[in-house]
Amino acid sequence: MEIQQDDLIKLQSEFKAHEVRCDERWKTVFKQLEEVEQSIQRLHVIVLSGGGATLVILATALVNILT
């Protein structure tokens, strides 16, 4: 079976189109991943802040109980 020149040209064209589509998909994936990472960072800050506030409230309650 011999590969024809036209088949090679068509295959090369399809491959280049595939590469372009994949490149766009990866850009989209990385952008979404960055957004997810930013959301996780915000949640991390919220959780730490909530934990700190809880500790302050508990410490205040304990001081009030002991005095």
Protein backbone atom coordinates (compact mmCIF):
# COMPACT_ATOMS: atom_id res chain seq x y z
CA MET A 1 0.00 0.00 0.00
CA GLU A 2 1.50 3.23 -1.12
CA ILE A 3 0.70 6.56 0.54
CA GLN A 4 -0.28 9.20 -1.96
CA GLN A 5 1.02 12.75 -1.78
CA ASP A 6 -2.55 14.08 -1.52
CA ASP A 7 -3.17 11.86 1.49
CA LEU A 8 -0.03 13.17 3.19
CA ILE A 9 -1.03 16.77 2.56
CA LYS A 10 -4.53 16.11 3.92
CA LEU A 11 -3.12 14.34 6.97
CA GLN A 12 -0.68 17.17 7.63
CA SER A 13 -3.48 19.73 7.36
CA GLU A 14 -5.71 17.77 9.73
CA PHE A 15 -2.84 17.39 12.19
CA LYS A 16 -2.13 21.12 12.20
CA ALA A 17 -5.82 21.85 12.79
CA HIS A 18 -5.79 19.33 15.63
CA GLU A 19 -2.76 21.02 17.19
CA VAL A 20 -4.48 24.42 17.07
CA ARG A 21 -7.62 23.04 18.74
CA CYS A 22 -5.59 21.27 21.42
CA ASP A 23 -3.55 24.41 22.09
CA GLU A 24 -6.75 26.40 22.65
CA ARG A 25 -8.16 23.70 24.92
CA TRP A 26 -4.99 23.66 27.04
CA LYS A 27 -5.08 27.44 27.35
CA THR A 28 -8.68 27.19 28.56
CA VAL A 29 -7.81 24.39 30.99
CA PHE A 30 -4.88 26.32 32.47
CA LYS A 31 -6.99 29.47 32.81
CA GLN A 32 -9.70 27.53 34.63
CA LEU A 33 -7.08 25.88 36.84
CA GLU A 34 -5.69 29.28 37.82
CA GLU A 35 -9.22 30.43 38.72
CA VAL A 36 -9.74 27.31 40.85
CA GLU A 37 -6.42 27.90 42.62
CA GLN A 38 -7.43 31.50 43.37
CA SER A 39 -10.77 30.33 44.76
CA ILE A 40 -9.04 27.77 46.97
CA GLN A 41 -6.67 30.47 48.24
CA ARG A 42 -9.62 32.71 49.14
CA LEU A 43 -11.33 29.83 50.95
CA HIS A 44 -8.11 29.12 52.82
CA VAL A 45 -7.97 32.71 54.05
CA ILE A 46 -11.64 32.58 55.08
CA VAL A 47 -11.14 29.35 57.02
CA LEU A 48 -8.06 30.69 58.80
CA SER A 49 -9.88 33.92 59.65
CA GLY A 50 -12.86 31.99 60.98
CA GLY A 51 -10.59 29.79 63.06
CA GLY A 52 -8.83 32.81 64.51
CA ALA A 53 -12.13 34.52 65.31
CA THR A 54 -13.38 31.35 67.00
CA LEU A 55 -10.27 31.18 69.16
CA VAL A 56 -10.67 34.82 70.21
CA ILE A 57 -14.35 34.29 71.08
CA LEU A 58 -13.56 31.16 73.09
CA ALA A 59 -10.68 32.87 74.90
CA THR A 60 -12.93 35.83 75.73
CA ALA A 61 -15.64 33.50 77.01
CA LEU A 62 -13.11 31.63 79.13
CA VAL A 63 -11.77 34.85 80.64
CA ASN A 64 -15.32 35.99 81.42
CA ILE A 65 -16.12 32.66 83.06
CA LEU A 66 -12.97 32.72 85.20
CA THR A 67 -13.39 36.31 86.37
